[in-house]
N, C-alpha and C. Protein backbone atom coordinates (compact mmCIF):
# COMPACT_ATOMS: atom_id res chain seq x y z
N GLU A 1 -0.67 11.88 4.49
CA GLU A 1 0.13 10.84 5.13
C GLU A 1 -0.66 9.53 5.09
N VAL A 2 0.03 8.46 4.77
CA VAL A 2 -0.55 7.12 4.75
C VAL A 2 0.25 6.25 5.70
N THR A 3 -0.45 5.54 6.58
CA THR A 3 0.22 4.59 7.46
C THR A 3 -0.11 3.18 6.99
N LEU A 4 0.92 2.44 6.67
CA LEU A 4 0.79 1.04 6.27
C LEU A 4 1.00 0.20 7.52
N LYS A 5 -0.06 -0.39 8.04
CA LYS A 5 0.01 -1.13 9.30
C LYS A 5 0.54 -2.54 9.10
N GLY A 6 -0.18 -3.35 8.30
CA GLY A 6 0.22 -4.74 8.15
C GLY A 6 -0.75 -5.48 7.26
N ALA A 7 -0.59 -6.78 7.22
CA ALA A 7 -1.46 -7.64 6.41
C ALA A 7 -1.64 -8.96 7.15
N VAL A 8 -2.76 -9.62 6.86
CA VAL A 8 -3.01 -10.93 7.44
C VAL A 8 -3.45 -11.88 6.34
N GLY A 9 -3.06 -13.14 6.48
CA GLY A 9 -3.51 -14.18 5.57
C GLY A 9 -2.96 -14.09 4.16
N LEU A 10 -1.74 -13.56 3.99
CA LEU A 10 -1.16 -13.51 2.66
C LEU A 10 -0.84 -14.92 2.16
N ARG A 11 -0.77 -15.05 0.87
CA ARG A 11 -0.42 -16.32 0.23
C ARG A 11 1.05 -16.62 0.49
N ALA A 12 1.35 -17.87 0.79
CA ALA A 12 2.74 -18.30 0.95
C ALA A 12 3.33 -18.53 -0.44
N ALA A 13 4.36 -17.77 -0.78
CA ALA A 13 4.94 -17.86 -2.12
C ALA A 13 6.31 -18.55 -2.12
N ASP A 14 6.86 -18.80 -0.96
CA ASP A 14 8.19 -19.42 -0.88
C ASP A 14 8.09 -20.84 -0.32
N ARG A 15 9.13 -21.58 -0.52
CA ARG A 15 9.20 -22.90 0.10
C ARG A 15 9.18 -22.71 1.61
N GLY A 16 8.59 -23.63 2.29
CA GLY A 16 8.50 -23.52 3.74
C GLY A 16 7.23 -22.83 4.21
N GLY A 17 6.35 -22.48 3.27
CA GLY A 17 5.06 -21.93 3.63
C GLY A 17 5.05 -20.48 4.08
N LYS A 18 6.04 -19.71 3.68
CA LYS A 18 6.10 -18.30 4.07
C LYS A 18 6.31 -17.44 2.82
N SER A 19 6.33 -16.12 3.03
CA SER A 19 6.66 -15.15 1.99
C SER A 19 7.59 -14.11 2.61
N ASP A 20 8.15 -13.27 1.77
CA ASP A 20 8.97 -12.13 2.20
C ASP A 20 8.29 -10.87 1.66
N PRO A 21 7.16 -10.46 2.28
CA PRO A 21 6.33 -9.42 1.69
C PRO A 21 6.85 -8.00 1.87
N TYR A 22 6.56 -7.19 0.86
CA TYR A 22 6.74 -5.75 0.91
C TYR A 22 5.58 -5.13 0.13
N ALA A 23 5.35 -3.85 0.36
CA ALA A 23 4.24 -3.15 -0.28
C ALA A 23 4.75 -2.01 -1.15
N LYS A 24 4.04 -1.77 -2.24
CA LYS A 24 4.25 -0.58 -3.06
C LYS A 24 2.95 0.22 -3.02
N ILE A 25 3.08 1.52 -2.76
CA ILE A 25 1.92 2.41 -2.72
C ILE A 25 2.12 3.48 -3.78
N PHE A 26 1.06 3.74 -4.53
CA PHE A 26 1.11 4.73 -5.59
C PHE A 26 -0.09 5.65 -5.47
N VAL A 27 0.16 6.96 -5.51
CA VAL A 27 -0.90 7.97 -5.40
C VAL A 27 -0.93 8.81 -6.66
N GLY A 28 -2.12 9.18 -7.13
CA GLY A 28 -2.26 10.07 -8.28
C GLY A 28 -2.27 9.32 -9.60
N LYS A 29 -2.37 10.09 -10.68
CA LYS A 29 -2.36 9.50 -12.02
C LYS A 29 -0.94 9.11 -12.39
N LYS A 30 -0.78 7.92 -12.95
CA LYS A 30 0.56 7.43 -13.28
C LYS A 30 1.32 8.35 -14.23
N ALA A 31 0.64 8.87 -15.23
CA ALA A 31 1.32 9.65 -16.26
C ALA A 31 1.86 10.98 -15.72
N THR A 32 1.19 11.57 -14.75
CA THR A 32 1.59 12.90 -14.29
C THR A 32 2.14 12.93 -12.87
N ALA A 33 2.10 11.83 -12.17
CA ALA A 33 2.53 11.82 -10.76
C ALA A 33 4.04 11.87 -10.63
N PRO A 34 4.53 12.66 -9.69
CA PRO A 34 5.98 12.68 -9.45
C PRO A 34 6.44 11.37 -8.80
N ALA A 35 7.72 11.09 -8.92
CA ALA A 35 8.27 9.85 -8.36
C ALA A 35 8.04 9.77 -6.85
N ALA A 36 7.94 10.91 -6.18
CA ALA A 36 7.72 10.92 -4.72
C ALA A 36 6.37 10.33 -4.33
N TRP A 37 5.48 10.17 -5.30
CA TRP A 37 4.16 9.60 -5.00
C TRP A 37 4.15 8.09 -5.20
N ARG A 38 5.33 7.51 -5.42
CA ARG A 38 5.48 6.05 -5.50
C ARG A 38 6.45 5.64 -4.40
N VAL A 39 5.97 4.83 -3.47
CA VAL A 39 6.81 4.45 -2.34
C VAL A 39 6.81 2.93 -2.17
N ARG A 40 7.83 2.44 -1.48
CA ARG A 40 8.00 1.01 -1.23
C ARG A 40 8.29 0.83 0.24
N SER A 41 7.63 -0.14 0.86
CA SER A 41 7.89 -0.44 2.27
C SER A 41 9.15 -1.30 2.39
N ARG A 42 9.52 -1.54 3.60
CA ARG A 42 10.61 -2.49 3.83
C ARG A 42 10.06 -3.91 3.67
N THR A 43 10.93 -4.85 3.44
CA THR A 43 10.56 -6.26 3.33
C THR A 43 10.54 -6.88 4.72
N VAL A 44 9.49 -7.64 5.01
CA VAL A 44 9.41 -8.38 6.28
C VAL A 44 9.65 -9.85 5.93
N PRO A 45 10.78 -10.41 6.38
CA PRO A 45 11.13 -11.77 5.96
C PRO A 45 10.30 -12.87 6.62
N LYS A 46 10.06 -13.91 5.83
CA LYS A 46 9.51 -15.18 6.30
C LYS A 46 8.22 -15.05 7.12
N THR A 47 7.18 -14.47 6.50
CA THR A 47 5.89 -14.34 7.18
C THR A 47 4.76 -14.21 6.17
N VAL A 48 3.56 -14.58 6.58
CA VAL A 48 2.36 -14.32 5.78
C VAL A 48 1.46 -13.32 6.51
N GLU A 49 1.97 -12.79 7.63
CA GLU A 49 1.25 -11.77 8.39
C GLU A 49 2.22 -10.65 8.79
N PRO A 50 2.70 -9.90 7.81
CA PRO A 50 3.70 -8.86 8.09
C PRO A 50 3.12 -7.68 8.87
N VAL A 51 3.96 -7.09 9.69
CA VAL A 51 3.63 -5.83 10.38
C VAL A 51 4.67 -4.82 9.92
N TRP A 52 4.22 -3.80 9.21
CA TRP A 52 5.13 -2.75 8.75
C TRP A 52 5.09 -1.55 9.67
N ASP A 53 3.91 -1.04 9.96
CA ASP A 53 3.73 0.16 10.77
C ASP A 53 4.63 1.30 10.27
N GLU A 54 4.58 1.52 8.95
CA GLU A 54 5.38 2.57 8.30
C GLU A 54 4.49 3.71 7.86
N LYS A 55 4.99 4.92 7.99
CA LYS A 55 4.26 6.12 7.54
C LYS A 55 4.93 6.68 6.30
N PHE A 56 4.10 7.08 5.35
CA PHE A 56 4.59 7.68 4.11
C PHE A 56 3.89 9.02 3.93
N LYS A 57 4.68 10.07 3.70
CA LYS A 57 4.12 11.40 3.46
C LYS A 57 4.20 11.71 1.98
N PHE A 58 3.11 12.26 1.47
CA PHE A 58 3.03 12.66 0.07
C PHE A 58 2.78 14.16 0.04
N SER A 59 3.66 14.92 -0.62
CA SER A 59 3.45 16.37 -0.70
C SER A 59 2.90 16.73 -2.08
N GLY A 60 2.04 17.71 -2.09
CA GLY A 60 1.40 18.16 -3.32
C GLY A 60 -0.01 18.61 -3.01
N THR A 61 -0.78 18.88 -4.04
CA THR A 61 -2.15 19.33 -3.82
C THR A 61 -3.07 18.12 -3.63
N ILE A 62 -4.05 18.30 -2.78
CA ILE A 62 -5.01 17.22 -2.53
C ILE A 62 -5.73 16.86 -3.82
N SER A 63 -6.09 17.87 -4.62
CA SER A 63 -6.83 17.57 -5.85
C SER A 63 -6.01 16.70 -6.81
N ASP A 64 -4.69 16.89 -6.85
CA ASP A 64 -3.86 16.03 -7.70
C ASP A 64 -3.77 14.61 -7.16
N MET A 65 -3.77 14.48 -5.85
CA MET A 65 -3.62 13.15 -5.25
C MET A 65 -4.90 12.34 -5.29
N VAL A 66 -6.06 12.99 -5.18
CA VAL A 66 -7.30 12.24 -5.11
C VAL A 66 -7.95 12.05 -6.48
N CYS A 67 -7.29 12.50 -7.54
CA CYS A 67 -7.88 12.37 -8.88
C CYS A 67 -7.86 10.92 -9.37
N ALA A 68 -7.13 10.06 -8.70
CA ALA A 68 -7.09 8.63 -9.02
C ALA A 68 -6.99 7.89 -7.69
N PRO A 69 -7.43 6.63 -7.64
CA PRO A 69 -7.36 5.89 -6.38
C PRO A 69 -5.92 5.63 -5.94
N LEU A 70 -5.73 5.53 -4.64
CA LEU A 70 -4.46 5.06 -4.11
C LEU A 70 -4.36 3.58 -4.47
N ARG A 71 -3.23 3.17 -5.01
CA ARG A 71 -3.04 1.78 -5.39
C ARG A 71 -2.01 1.13 -4.46
N LEU A 72 -2.40 -0.01 -3.93
CA LEU A 72 -1.55 -0.77 -3.01
C LEU A 72 -1.31 -2.14 -3.61
N SER A 73 -0.05 -2.52 -3.73
CA SER A 73 0.31 -3.85 -4.22
C SER A 73 1.27 -4.49 -3.23
N ILE A 74 1.04 -5.76 -2.93
CA ILE A 74 1.90 -6.51 -2.02
C ILE A 74 2.64 -7.55 -2.85
N PHE A 75 3.95 -7.60 -2.68
CA PHE A 75 4.81 -8.53 -3.41
C PHE A 75 5.58 -9.41 -2.46
N ASP A 76 5.99 -10.58 -2.96
CA ASP A 76 6.94 -11.45 -2.27
C ASP A 76 8.30 -11.20 -2.90
N GLU A 77 9.26 -10.77 -2.09
CA GLU A 77 10.60 -10.50 -2.60
C GLU A 77 11.35 -11.81 -2.83
N ASP A 78 11.88 -11.97 -4.02
CA ASP A 78 12.65 -13.16 -4.38
C ASP A 78 14.12 -12.81 -4.60
N GLN A 79 14.99 -13.70 -4.19
CA GLN A 79 16.42 -13.50 -4.41
C GLN A 79 16.79 -13.68 -5.88
N VAL A 80 16.08 -14.59 -6.55
CA VAL A 80 16.34 -14.88 -7.95
C VAL A 80 15.03 -14.71 -8.72
N GLY A 81 15.09 -14.09 -9.87
CA GLY A 81 13.89 -13.90 -10.69
C GLY A 81 13.06 -12.73 -10.25
N MET A 82 11.87 -12.64 -10.84
CA MET A 82 10.98 -11.52 -10.54
C MET A 82 10.20 -11.77 -9.25
N ASP A 83 9.90 -10.69 -8.54
CA ASP A 83 9.10 -10.79 -7.33
C ASP A 83 7.67 -11.18 -7.68
N ASP A 84 7.03 -11.94 -6.80
CA ASP A 84 5.66 -12.43 -7.04
C ASP A 84 4.64 -11.46 -6.47
N LEU A 85 3.61 -11.15 -7.25
CA LEU A 85 2.50 -10.33 -6.77
C LEU A 85 1.62 -11.20 -5.86
N LEU A 86 1.42 -10.74 -4.63
CA LEU A 86 0.57 -11.47 -3.68
C LEU A 86 -0.85 -10.93 -3.67
N GLY A 87 -1.03 -9.70 -4.07
CA GLY A 87 -2.36 -9.10 -4.11
C GLY A 87 -2.27 -7.60 -4.31
N SER A 88 -3.40 -7.02 -4.69
CA SER A 88 -3.44 -5.56 -4.87
C SER A 88 -4.84 -5.05 -4.58
N ALA A 89 -4.93 -3.75 -4.34
CA ALA A 89 -6.21 -3.11 -4.04
C ALA A 89 -6.12 -1.64 -4.36
N GLU A 90 -7.29 -1.01 -4.47
CA GLU A 90 -7.37 0.43 -4.69
C GLU A 90 -8.26 1.05 -3.62
N VAL A 91 -7.90 2.27 -3.22
CA VAL A 91 -8.67 3.00 -2.22
C VAL A 91 -9.05 4.35 -2.82
N ASP A 92 -10.33 4.67 -2.80
CA ASP A 92 -10.81 5.95 -3.31
C ASP A 92 -10.54 7.02 -2.24
N LEU A 93 -9.48 7.79 -2.44
CA LEU A 93 -9.07 8.78 -1.44
C LEU A 93 -10.09 9.91 -1.29
N GLU A 94 -10.80 10.21 -2.35
CA GLU A 94 -11.81 11.26 -2.26
C GLU A 94 -12.90 10.87 -1.26
N LEU A 95 -13.32 9.61 -1.28
CA LEU A 95 -14.33 9.14 -0.32
C LEU A 95 -13.78 9.11 1.10
N VAL A 96 -12.52 8.72 1.25
CA VAL A 96 -11.90 8.69 2.58
C VAL A 96 -11.83 10.10 3.15
N LEU A 97 -11.41 11.07 2.33
CA LEU A 97 -11.32 12.45 2.80
C LEU A 97 -12.69 13.04 3.10
N LEU A 98 -13.67 12.75 2.26
CA LEU A 98 -15.03 13.24 2.50
C LEU A 98 -15.58 12.68 3.81
N SER A 99 -15.34 11.42 4.06
CA SER A 99 -15.78 10.78 5.30
C SER A 99 -15.09 11.42 6.49
N ALA A 100 -13.81 11.74 6.36
CA ALA A 100 -13.06 12.36 7.45
C ALA A 100 -13.61 13.74 7.77
N VAL A 101 -13.98 14.49 6.75
CA VAL A 101 -14.55 15.83 6.96
C VAL A 101 -15.89 15.71 7.68
N GLN A 102 -16.71 14.74 7.29
CA GLN A 102 -18.03 14.57 7.90
C GLN A 102 -17.93 14.11 9.36
N VAL A 103 -16.99 13.22 9.63
CA VAL A 103 -16.83 12.68 10.98
C VAL A 103 -15.99 13.60 11.86
N GLY A 104 -15.10 14.37 11.24
CA GLY A 104 -14.25 15.28 11.98
C GLY A 104 -12.88 14.75 12.31
N LYS A 105 -12.56 13.55 11.81
CA LYS A 105 -11.22 13.00 12.02
C LYS A 105 -10.95 11.95 10.95
N MET A 106 -9.67 11.69 10.73
CA MET A 106 -9.28 10.66 9.76
C MET A 106 -9.60 9.30 10.37
N ARG A 107 -9.86 8.34 9.50
CA ARG A 107 -10.20 7.02 10.01
C ARG A 107 -9.34 5.96 9.36
N ARG A 108 -9.34 4.83 9.98
CA ARG A 108 -8.59 3.68 9.50
C ARG A 108 -9.40 3.00 8.40
N VAL A 109 -8.70 2.60 7.34
CA VAL A 109 -9.36 1.93 6.23
C VAL A 109 -8.70 0.56 6.06
N ARG A 110 -9.51 -0.49 6.15
CA ARG A 110 -9.01 -1.86 5.89
C ARG A 110 -9.34 -2.20 4.46
N VAL A 111 -8.36 -2.73 3.74
CA VAL A 111 -8.53 -2.99 2.32
C VAL A 111 -8.27 -4.46 2.02
N PRO A 112 -9.29 -5.20 1.55
CA PRO A 112 -9.03 -6.58 1.14
C PRO A 112 -8.30 -6.61 -0.19
N LEU A 113 -7.35 -7.52 -0.31
CA LEU A 113 -6.59 -7.65 -1.57
C LEU A 113 -7.32 -8.57 -2.51
């Protein structure tokens, strides 16, 4: 399970100094990953500091999911034309899981774009 909390300080991509951000999260290797491992958040209108607080569950084997980094991309949704990429990042899930086993609980990971 991945919880997408929010973002701060995103680039303003629209007129008026705001964006309409949404996130795409991808787990596993692109070539072999099922469509269920690609998810999209809801769009938060007119902000550069969106709060999503959305949970996404991914079913499958841990070894298949951690074989590649989790990829997070934030986009500005546009009514006309292609959506603008605001930033992206990767998270090494194997390290996150190893850390959780050592500490005894899952932890929050902040990812700079």
